[in-house]
Protein backbone atom coordinates (compact mmCIF):
# COMPACT_ATOMS: atom_id res chain seq x y z
CA MET A 1 -6.64 54.24 76.25
CA HIS A 2 -6.36 53.54 72.36
CA LEU A 3 -8.55 51.97 70.29
CA VAL A 4 -9.12 51.20 66.54
CA ILE A 5 -12.48 52.55 65.49
CA ASN A 6 -13.55 51.82 61.50
CA GLY A 7 -9.93 51.15 60.94
CA GLN A 8 -8.95 54.26 62.61
CA ASP A 9 -6.59 54.22 65.29
CA GLN A 10 -7.35 57.14 67.83
CA ASP A 11 -6.45 57.64 71.66
CA ILE A 12 -9.47 58.51 74.14
CA THR A 13 -10.94 58.98 77.43
CA CYS A 14 -14.13 57.03 77.19
CA THR A 15 -14.31 54.20 79.43
CA THR A 16 -18.00 52.75 77.84
CA LEU A 17 -19.36 52.23 74.61
CA ALA A 18 -22.37 54.50 75.50
CA GLU A 19 -19.98 57.40 76.28
CA LEU A 20 -18.01 56.65 72.87
CA VAL A 21 -20.88 56.84 71.10
CA SER A 22 -22.18 60.37 72.33
CA ALA A 23 -18.48 61.60 72.66
CA LEU A 24 -18.57 60.82 68.62
CA LYS A 25 -22.13 62.08 68.49
CA LEU A 26 -23.65 58.95 66.95
CA ASP A 27 -27.20 58.45 67.30
CA ALA A 28 -27.21 54.64 69.33
CA GLN A 29 -30.70 54.37 67.75
CA ARG A 30 -29.24 54.03 63.77
CA LEU A 31 -25.83 52.16 64.95
CA VAL A 32 -24.26 48.56 65.16
CA ALA A 33 -21.17 48.12 66.94
CA GLU A 34 -19.07 45.41 67.37
CA VAL A 35 -15.74 45.23 69.38
CA ASN A 36 -13.28 42.73 69.18
CA GLY A 37 -15.51 40.87 66.39
CA THR A 38 -18.29 40.65 68.96
CA ILE A 39 -22.22 42.40 67.83
CA VAL A 40 -22.80 44.47 70.99
CA ALA A 41 -26.98 44.77 71.97
CA ARG A 42 -27.78 48.79 71.56
CA GLU A 43 -29.27 47.83 75.90
CA ASN A 44 -25.89 46.58 76.25
CA PHE A 45 -23.89 49.87 75.03
CA GLY A 46 -23.34 51.66 78.68
CA GLN A 47 -22.15 48.10 80.50
CA THR A 48 -19.52 47.30 77.27
CA VAL A 49 -16.63 48.85 79.30
CA LEU A 50 -14.02 49.31 76.65
CA LYS A 51 -10.16 48.52 76.86
CA ASP A 52 -6.87 49.32 75.88
CA ASN A 53 -6.29 48.36 71.81
CA ASP A 54 -9.94 47.34 71.63
CA ARG A 55 -10.84 46.68 68.03
CA LEU A 56 -14.49 48.61 67.22
CA GLU A 57 -16.48 48.74 64.07
CA LEU A 58 -19.19 51.02 64.07
CA VAL A 59 -21.66 51.03 61.75
CA HIS A 60 -24.41 54.25 61.20
CA PHE A 61 -27.43 53.89 58.95
CA VAL A 62 -28.30 56.97 57.40
CA GLY A 63 -32.25 57.11 56.09
CA GLY A 64 -32.80 58.11 52.33
CA GLY A 65 -33.74 57.04 48.90
């Protein structure tokens, strides 16, 4: 399946947002995800099915000072 993630074209085999987050080794607790312009609540990552040509923005927060 073809996705655009943070402006980059990628071919992936993940079927849900939760699978994608895990495959990318991102911490879901520090992540904001937007699929096709809509922010997805963390508790819905597992139920959010990805489709060919979806556009995702994934913002991972990093602590520091």
